[in-house]
Amino acid sequence: MLDKNGIAKRIAREVKDGYYVNLGIGIPTLVANFVRDDIEVEFQSENGVLGMGPFPFEGEEDADVINAGKQTITT
């Protein structure tokens, strides 16, 4: 059985170059962390942020940029 990260990694394999992807709350918020670096993908957070990226590294968080789960994200 896959854990949350395993599920997100599996979903990320389905994301193709040029996709626009709406990430809802919960496990979907992890998907951006596992998408290949060699493709262009636009993510939208459920709360309307277009162009979101993976979670920021520790110390790089911006409390004003959050996803639908109120977790800090990158753009």
PDB file of N, CA and C in Angstrom:
ATOM      1  N   MET A   1       0.848  -1.183   0.000  1.00  0.00           N
ATOM      2  CA  MET A   1       0.000   0.000   0.000  1.00  0.00           C
ATOM      3  C   MET A   1       0.891   1.243   0.000  1.00  0.00           C
ATOM      4  N   LEU A   2       0.528   2.215  -0.804  1.00  0.00           N
ATOM      5  CA  LEU A   2       1.306   3.443  -0.909  1.00  0.00           C
ATOM      6  C   LEU A   2       0.940   4.428   0.194  1.00  0.00           C
ATOM      7  N   ASP A   3       1.961   5.182   0.662  1.00  0.00           N
ATOM      8  CA  ASP A   3       1.681   6.269   1.591  1.00  0.00           C
ATOM      9  C   ASP A   3       1.314   7.517   0.776  1.00  0.00           C
ATOM     10  N   LYS A   4       1.092   8.652   1.442  1.00  0.00           N
ATOM     11  CA  LYS A   4       0.673   9.872   0.746  1.00  0.00           C
ATOM     12  C   LYS A   4       1.664  10.283  -0.335  1.00  0.00           C
ATOM     13  N   ASN A   5       2.961  10.253  -0.012  1.00  0.00           N
ATOM     14  CA  ASN A   5       3.969  10.641  -0.995  1.00  0.00           C
ATOM     15  C   ASN A   5       4.007   9.666  -2.164  1.00  0.00           C
ATOM     16  N   GLY A   6       3.833   8.392  -1.893  1.00  0.00           N
ATOM     17  CA  GLY A   6       3.804   7.394  -2.958  1.00  0.00           C
ATOM     18  C   GLY A   6       2.641   7.616  -3.908  1.00  0.00           C
ATOM     19  N   ILE A   7       1.496   7.960  -3.346  1.00  0.00           N
ATOM     20  CA  ILE A   7       0.325   8.255  -4.176  1.00  0.00           C
ATOM     21  C   ILE A   7       0.588   9.498  -5.028  1.00  0.00           C
ATOM     22  N   ALA A   8       1.148  10.542  -4.413  1.00  0.00           N
ATOM     23  CA  ALA A   8       1.440  11.779  -5.143  1.00  0.00           C
ATOM     24  C   ALA A   8       2.459  11.535  -6.254  1.00  0.00           C
ATOM     25  N   LYS A   9       3.477  10.716  -5.989  1.00  0.00           N
ATOM     26  CA  LYS A   9       4.475  10.384  -7.021  1.00  0.00           C
ATOM     27  C   LYS A   9       3.812   9.674  -8.195  1.00  0.00           C
ATOM     28  N   ARG A  10       2.916   8.759  -7.893  1.00  0.00           N
ATOM     29  CA  ARG A  10       2.222   8.011  -8.952  1.00  0.00           C
ATOM     30  C   ARG A  10       1.363   8.943  -9.801  1.00  0.00           C
ATOM     31  N   ILE A  11       0.653   9.845  -9.157  1.00  0.00           N
ATOM     32  CA  ILE A  11      -0.171  10.809  -9.887  1.00  0.00           C
ATOM     33  C   ILE A  11       0.709  11.720 -10.741  1.00  0.00           C
ATOM     34  N   ALA A  12       1.847  12.147 -10.200  1.00  0.00           N
ATOM     35  CA  ALA A  12       2.755  13.047 -10.923  1.00  0.00           C
ATOM     36  C   ALA A  12       3.241  12.427 -12.229  1.00  0.00           C
ATOM     37  N   ARG A  13       3.323  11.110 -12.284  1.00  0.00           N
ATOM     38  CA  ARG A  13       3.749  10.444 -13.523  1.00  0.00           C
ATOM     39  C   ARG A  13       2.736  10.635 -14.649  1.00  0.00           C
ATOM     40  N   GLU A  14       1.500  10.953 -14.299  1.00  0.00           N
ATOM     41  CA  GLU A  14       0.450  11.169 -15.295  1.00  0.00           C
ATOM     42  C   GLU A  14       0.464  12.589 -15.857  1.00  0.00           C
ATOM     43  N   VAL A  15       1.169  13.501 -15.208  1.00  0.00           N
ATOM     44  CA  VAL A  15       1.205  14.899 -15.631  1.00  0.00           C
ATOM     45  C   VAL A  15       2.171  15.043 -16.806  1.00  0.00           C
ATOM     46  N   LYS A  16       1.690  15.593 -17.889  1.00  0.00           N
ATOM     47  CA  LYS A  16       2.470  15.721 -19.126  1.00  0.00           C
ATOM     48  C   LYS A  16       2.832  17.177 -19.403  1.00  0.00           C
ATOM     49  N   ASP A  17       3.819  17.359 -20.262  1.00  0.00           N
ATOM     50  CA  ASP A  17       4.273  18.682 -20.669  1.00  0.00           C
ATOM     51  C   ASP A  17       3.106  19.491 -21.236  1.00  0.00           C
ATOM     52  N   GLY A  18       2.970  20.731 -20.769  1.00  0.00           N
ATOM     53  CA  GLY A  18       1.926  21.617 -21.263  1.00  0.00           C
ATOM     54  C   GLY A  18       0.606  21.541 -20.523  1.00  0.00           C
ATOM     55  N   TYR A  19       0.484  20.634 -19.558  1.00  0.00           N
ATOM     56  CA  TYR A  19      -0.773  20.495 -18.820  1.00  0.00           C
ATOM     57  C   TYR A  19      -1.017  21.699 -17.909  1.00  0.00           C
ATOM     58  N   TYR A  20      -2.289  22.012 -17.697  1.00  0.00           N
ATOM     59  CA  TYR A  20      -2.748  22.891 -16.634  1.00  0.00           C
ATOM     60  C   TYR A  20      -3.464  21.976 -15.652  1.00  0.00           C
ATOM     61  N   VAL A  21      -3.058  22.018 -14.384  1.00  0.00           N
ATOM     62  CA  VAL A  21      -3.569  21.066 -13.400  1.00  0.00           C
ATOM     63  C   VAL A  21      -4.096  21.813 -12.183  1.00  0.00           C
ATOM     64  N   ASN A  22      -5.345  21.534 -11.804  1.00  0.00           N
ATOM     65  CA  ASN A  22      -5.920  22.093 -10.589  1.00  0.00           C
ATOM     66  C   ASN A  22      -5.683  21.101  -9.465  1.00  0.00           C
ATOM     67  N   LEU A  23      -4.988  21.551  -8.426  1.00  0.00           N
ATOM     68  CA  LEU A  23      -4.690  20.682  -7.289  1.00  0.00           C
ATOM     69  C   LEU A  23      -5.604  21.028  -6.124  1.00  0.00           C
ATOM     70  N   GLY A  24      -6.443  20.089  -5.749  1.00  0.00           N
ATOM     71  CA  GLY A  24      -7.337  20.280  -4.622  1.00  0.00           C
ATOM     72  C   GLY A  24      -6.610  20.091  -3.301  1.00  0.00           C
ATOM     73  N   ILE A  25      -7.350  20.119  -2.235  1.00  0.00           N
ATOM     74  CA  ILE A  25      -6.792  19.993  -0.893  1.00  0.00           C
ATOM     75  C   ILE A  25      -6.470  18.527  -0.585  1.00  0.00           C
ATOM     76  N   GLY A  26      -5.531  18.307   0.293  1.00  0.00           N
ATOM     77  CA  GLY A  26      -5.148  16.955   0.703  1.00  0.00           C
ATOM     78  C   GLY A  26      -3.968  16.433  -0.091  1.00  0.00           C
ATOM     79  N   ILE A  27      -3.991  15.156  -0.420  1.00  0.00           N
ATOM     80  CA  ILE A  27      -2.892  14.518  -1.151  1.00  0.00           C
ATOM     81  C   ILE A  27      -2.554  15.257  -2.452  1.00  0.00           C
ATOM     82  N   PRO A  28      -3.537  15.783  -3.197  1.00  0.00           N
ATOM     83  CA  PRO A  28      -3.176  16.482  -4.433  1.00  0.00           C
ATOM     84  C   PRO A  28      -2.171  17.619  -4.244  1.00  0.00           C
ATOM     85  N   THR A  29      -2.148  18.244  -3.061  1.00  0.00           N
ATOM     86  CA  THR A  29      -1.201  19.339  -2.842  1.00  0.00           C
ATOM     87  C   THR A  29       0.245  18.867  -2.913  1.00  0.00           C
ATOM     88  N   LEU A  30       0.490  17.571  -2.779  1.00  0.00           N
ATOM     89  CA  LEU A  30       1.848  17.024  -2.827  1.00  0.00           C
ATOM     90  C   LEU A  30       2.338  16.770  -4.252  1.00  0.00           C
ATOM     91  N   VAL A  31       1.437  16.697  -5.211  1.00  0.00           N
ATOM     92  CA  VAL A  31       1.789  16.296  -6.576  1.00  0.00           C
ATOM     93  C   VAL A  31       2.861  17.190  -7.186  1.00  0.00           C
ATOM     94  N   ALA A  32       2.773  18.504  -6.992  1.00  0.00           N
ATOM     95  CA  ALA A  32       3.742  19.435  -7.590  1.00  0.00           C
ATOM     96  C   ALA A  32       5.172  19.137  -7.149  1.00  0.00           C
ATOM     97  N   ASN A  33       5.343  18.506  -6.002  1.00  0.00           N
ATOM     98  CA  ASN A  33       6.690  18.170  -5.513  1.00  0.00           C
ATOM     99  C   ASN A  33       7.360  17.079  -6.333  1.00  0.00           C
ATOM    100  N   PHE A  34       6.594  16.327  -7.099  1.00  0.00           N
ATOM    101  CA  PHE A  34       7.130  15.136  -7.766  1.00  0.00           C
ATOM    102  C   PHE A  34       7.048  15.169  -9.293  1.00  0.00           C
ATOM    103  N   VAL A  35       6.624  16.283  -9.868  1.00  0.00           N
ATOM    104  CA  VAL A  35       6.564  16.395 -11.327  1.00  0.00           C
ATOM    105  C   VAL A  35       7.983  16.563 -11.872  1.00  0.00           C
ATOM    106  N   ARG A  36       8.253  15.922 -12.997  1.00  0.00           N
ATOM    107  CA  ARG A  36       9.586  15.985 -13.611  1.00  0.00           C
ATOM    108  C   ARG A  36      10.002  17.431 -13.872  1.00  0.00           C
ATOM    109  N   ASP A  37      11.298  17.709 -13.709  1.00  0.00           N
ATOM    110  CA  ASP A  37      11.831  19.053 -13.929  1.00  0.00           C
ATOM    111  C   ASP A  37      11.922  19.428 -15.403  1.00  0.00           C
ATOM    112  N   ASP A  38      11.888  18.449 -16.292  1.00  0.00           N
ATOM    113  CA  ASP A  38      12.097  18.728 -17.714  1.00  0.00           C
ATOM    114  C   ASP A  38      10.797  18.986 -18.482  1.00  0.00           C
ATOM    115  N   ILE A  39       9.691  19.190 -17.769  1.00  0.00           N
ATOM    116  CA  ILE A  39       8.431  19.520 -18.440  1.00  0.00           C
ATOM    117  C   ILE A  39       7.872  20.818 -17.867  1.00  0.00           C
ATOM    118  N   GLU A  40       7.041  21.488 -18.672  1.00  0.00           N
ATOM    119  CA  GLU A  40       6.375  22.729 -18.264  1.00  0.00           C
ATOM    120  C   GLU A  40       4.938  22.410 -17.880  1.00  0.00           C
ATOM    121  N   VAL A  41       4.586  22.727 -16.641  1.00  0.00           N
ATOM    122  CA  VAL A  41       3.233  22.478 -16.138  1.00  0.00           C
ATOM    123  C   VAL A  41       2.786  23.704 -15.351  1.00  0.00           C
ATOM    124  N   GLU A  42       1.545  24.125 -15.541  1.00  0.00           N
ATOM    125  CA  GLU A  42       0.958  25.205 -14.752  1.00  0.00           C
ATOM    126  C   GLU A  42       0.009  24.580 -13.742  1.00  0.00           C
ATOM    127  N   PHE A  43       0.263  24.842 -12.460  1.00  0.00           N
ATOM    128  CA  PHE A  43      -0.608  24.337 -11.408  1.00  0.00           C
ATOM    129  C   PHE A  43      -1.485  25.456 -10.886  1.00  0.00           C
ATOM    130  N   GLN A  44      -2.723  25.101 -10.573  1.00  0.00           N
ATOM    131  CA  GLN A  44      -3.633  26.021  -9.918  1.00  0.00           C
ATOM    132  C   GLN A  44      -4.018  25.403  -8.592  1.00  0.00           C
ATOM    133  N   SER A  45      -3.901  26.199  -7.538  1.00  0.00           N
ATOM    134  CA  SER A  45      -4.353  25.753  -6.229  1.00  0.00           C
ATOM    135  C   SER A  45      -5.866  25.909  -6.161  1.00  0.00           C
ATOM    136  N   GLU A  46      -6.508  25.087  -5.399  1.00  0.00           N
ATOM    137  CA  GLU A  46      -7.970  25.107  -5.278  1.00  0.00           C
ATOM    138  C   GLU A  46      -8.495  26.489  -4.889  1.00  0.00           C
ATOM    139  N   ASN A  47      -7.681  27.268  -4.174  1.00  0.00           N
ATOM    140  CA  ASN A  47      -8.126  28.597  -3.756  1.00  0.00           C
ATOM    141  C   ASN A  47      -7.850  29.667  -4.809  1.00  0.00           C
ATOM    142  N   GLY A  48      -7.410  29.275  -6.013  1.00  0.00           N
ATOM    143  CA  GLY A  48      -7.307  30.208  -7.121  1.00  0.00           C
ATOM    144  C   GLY A  48      -5.911  30.638  -7.517  1.00  0.00           C
ATOM    145  N   VAL A  49      -4.868  30.212  -6.811  1.00  0.00           N
ATOM    146  CA  VAL A  49      -3.503  30.598  -7.165  1.00  0.00           C
ATOM    147  C   VAL A  49      -3.099  29.865  -8.439  1.00  0.00           C
ATOM    148  N   LEU A  50      -2.815  30.612  -9.510  1.00  0.00           N
ATOM    149  CA  LEU A  50      -2.381  30.018 -10.772  1.00  0.00           C
ATOM    150  C   LEU A  50      -0.870  30.157 -10.881  1.00  0.00           C
ATOM    151  N   GLY A  51      -0.198  29.086 -11.218  1.00  0.00           N
ATOM    152  CA  GLY A  51       1.259  29.103 -11.341  1.00  0.00           C
ATOM    153  C   GLY A  51       1.970  28.679 -10.073  1.00  0.00           C
ATOM    154  N   MET A  52       1.282  27.928  -9.229  1.00  0.00           N
ATOM    155  CA  MET A  52       1.919  27.482  -7.985  1.00  0.00           C
ATOM    156  C   MET A  52       2.951  26.404  -8.268  1.00  0.00           C
ATOM    157  N   GLY A  53       3.915  26.291  -7.369  1.00  0.00           N
ATOM    158  CA  GLY A  53       4.955  25.282  -7.495  1.00  0.00           C
ATOM    159  C   GLY A  53       4.961  24.353  -6.298  1.00  0.00           C
ATOM    160  N   PRO A  54       6.068  23.636  -6.089  1.00  0.00           N
ATOM    161  CA  PRO A  54       6.160  22.715  -4.960  1.00  0.00           C
ATOM    162  C   PRO A  54       6.271  23.464  -3.638  1.00  0.00           C
ATOM    163  N   PHE A  55       6.242  22.716  -2.561  1.00  0.00           N
ATOM    164  CA  PHE A  55       6.418  23.328  -1.248  1.00  0.00           C
ATOM    165  C   PHE A  55       7.793  23.971  -1.168  1.00  0.00           C
ATOM    166  N   PRO A  56       7.916  25.120  -0.478  1.00  0.00           N
ATOM    167  CA  PRO A  56       9.219  25.771  -0.352  1.00  0.00           C
ATOM    168  C   PRO A  56      10.116  25.019   0.628  1.00  0.00           C
ATOM    169  N   PHE A  57      11.417  25.245   0.483  1.00  0.00           N
ATOM    170  CA  PHE A  57      12.359  24.683   1.441  1.00  0.00           C
ATOM    171  C   PHE A  57      12.238  25.453   2.750  1.00  0.00           C
ATOM    172  N   GLU A  58      12.635  24.833   3.836  1.00  0.00           N
ATOM    173  CA  GLU A  58      12.579  25.474   5.143  1.00  0.00           C
ATOM    174  C   GLU A  58      13.357  26.783   5.105  1.00  0.00           C
ATOM    175  N   GLY A  59      12.747  27.839   5.617  1.00  0.00           N
ATOM    176  CA  GLY A  59      13.363  29.155   5.629  1.00  0.00           C
ATOM    177  C   GLY A  59      13.002  30.007   4.422  1.00  0.00           C
ATOM    178  N   GLU A  60      12.383  29.409   3.408  1.00  0.00           N
ATOM    179  CA  GLU A  60      11.998  30.138   2.196  1.00  0.00           C
ATOM    180  C   GLU A  60      10.485  30.342   2.106  1.00  0.00           C
ATOM    181  N   GLU A  61       9.774  30.055   3.181  1.00  0.00           N
ATOM    182  CA  GLU A  61       8.322  30.161   3.178  1.00  0.00           C
ATOM    183  C   GLU A  61       7.872  31.620   3.123  1.00  0.00           C
ATOM    184  N   ASP A  62       6.758  31.876   2.459  1.00  0.00           N
ATOM    185  CA  ASP A  62       6.107  33.181   2.430  1.00  0.00           C
ATOM    186  C   ASP A  62       4.671  32.948   2.873  1.00  0.00           C
ATOM    187  N   ALA A  63       4.341  33.399   4.075  1.00  0.00           N
ATOM    188  CA  ALA A  63       3.024  33.134   4.659  1.00  0.00           C
ATOM    189  C   ALA A  63       1.878  33.729   3.842  1.00  0.00           C
ATOM    190  N   ASP A  64       2.181  34.624   2.914  1.00  0.00           N
ATOM    191  CA  ASP A  64       1.143  35.215   2.074  1.00  0.00           C
ATOM    192  C   ASP A  64       0.828  34.380   0.838  1.00  0.00           C
ATOM    193  N   VAL A  65       1.629  33.351   0.567  1.00  0.00           N
ATOM    194  CA  VAL A  65       1.422  32.508  -0.614  1.00  0.00           C
ATOM    195  C   VAL A  65       1.104  31.097  -0.126  1.00  0.00           C
ATOM    196  N   ILE A  66      -0.192  30.761  -0.127  1.00  0.00           N
ATOM    197  CA  ILE A  66      -0.641  29.485   0.430  1.00  0.00           C
ATOM    198  C   ILE A  66      -1.557  28.754  -0.547  1.00  0.00           C
ATOM    199  N   ASN A  67      -1.691  27.442  -0.329  1.00  0.00           N
ATOM    200  CA  ASN A  67      -2.625  26.642  -1.123  1.00  0.00           C
ATOM    201  C   ASN A  67      -3.944  26.514  -0.373  1.00  0.00           C
ATOM    202  N   ALA A  68      -4.841  25.715  -0.895  1.00  0.00           N
ATOM    203  CA  ALA A  68      -6.163  25.552  -0.290  1.00  0.00           C
ATOM    204  C   ALA A  68      -6.100  24.927   1.098  1.00  0.00           C
ATOM    205  N   GLY A  69      -5.012  24.216   1.388  1.00  0.00           N
ATOM    206  CA  GLY A  69      -4.834  23.611   2.700  1.00  0.00           C
ATOM    207  C   GLY A  69      -4.111  24.510   3.683  1.00  0.00           C
ATOM    208  N   LYS A  70      -3.919  25.785   3.302  1.00  0.00           N
ATOM    209  CA  LYS A  70      -3.232  26.789   4.116  1.00  0.00           C
ATOM    210  C   LYS A  70      -1.769  26.438   4.354  1.00  0.00           C
ATOM    211  N   GLN A  71      -1.171  25.696   3.406  1.00  0.00           N
ATOM    212  CA  GLN A  71       0.252  25.369   3.457  1.00  0.00           C
ATOM    213  C   GLN A  71       0.984  26.342   2.542  1.00  0.00           C
ATOM    214  N   THR A  72       2.194  26.760   2.941  1.00  0.00           N
ATOM    215  CA  THR A  72       2.951  27.668   2.089  1.00  0.00           C
ATOM    216  C   THR A  72       3.391  26.951   0.820  1.00  0.00           C
ATOM    217  N   ILE A  73       3.417  27.697  -0.294  1.00  0.00           N
ATOM    218  CA  ILE A  73       3.791  27.147  -1.598  1.00  0.00           C
ATOM    219  C   ILE A  73       4.760  28.097  -2.286  1.00  0.00           C
ATOM    220  N   THR A  74       5.319  27.662  -3.396  1.00  0.00           N
ATOM    221  CA  THR A  74       6.142  28.533  -4.231  1.00  0.00           C
ATOM    222  C   THR A  74       5.346  28.888  -5.478  1.00  0.00           C
ATOM    223  N   THR A  75       5.827  29.894  -6.197  1.00  0.00           N
ATOM    224  CA  THR A  75       5.165  30.280  -7.450  1.00  0.00           C
ATOM    225  C   THR A  75       6.158  30.258  -8.579  1.00  0.00           C
TER     226      THR A  75
END
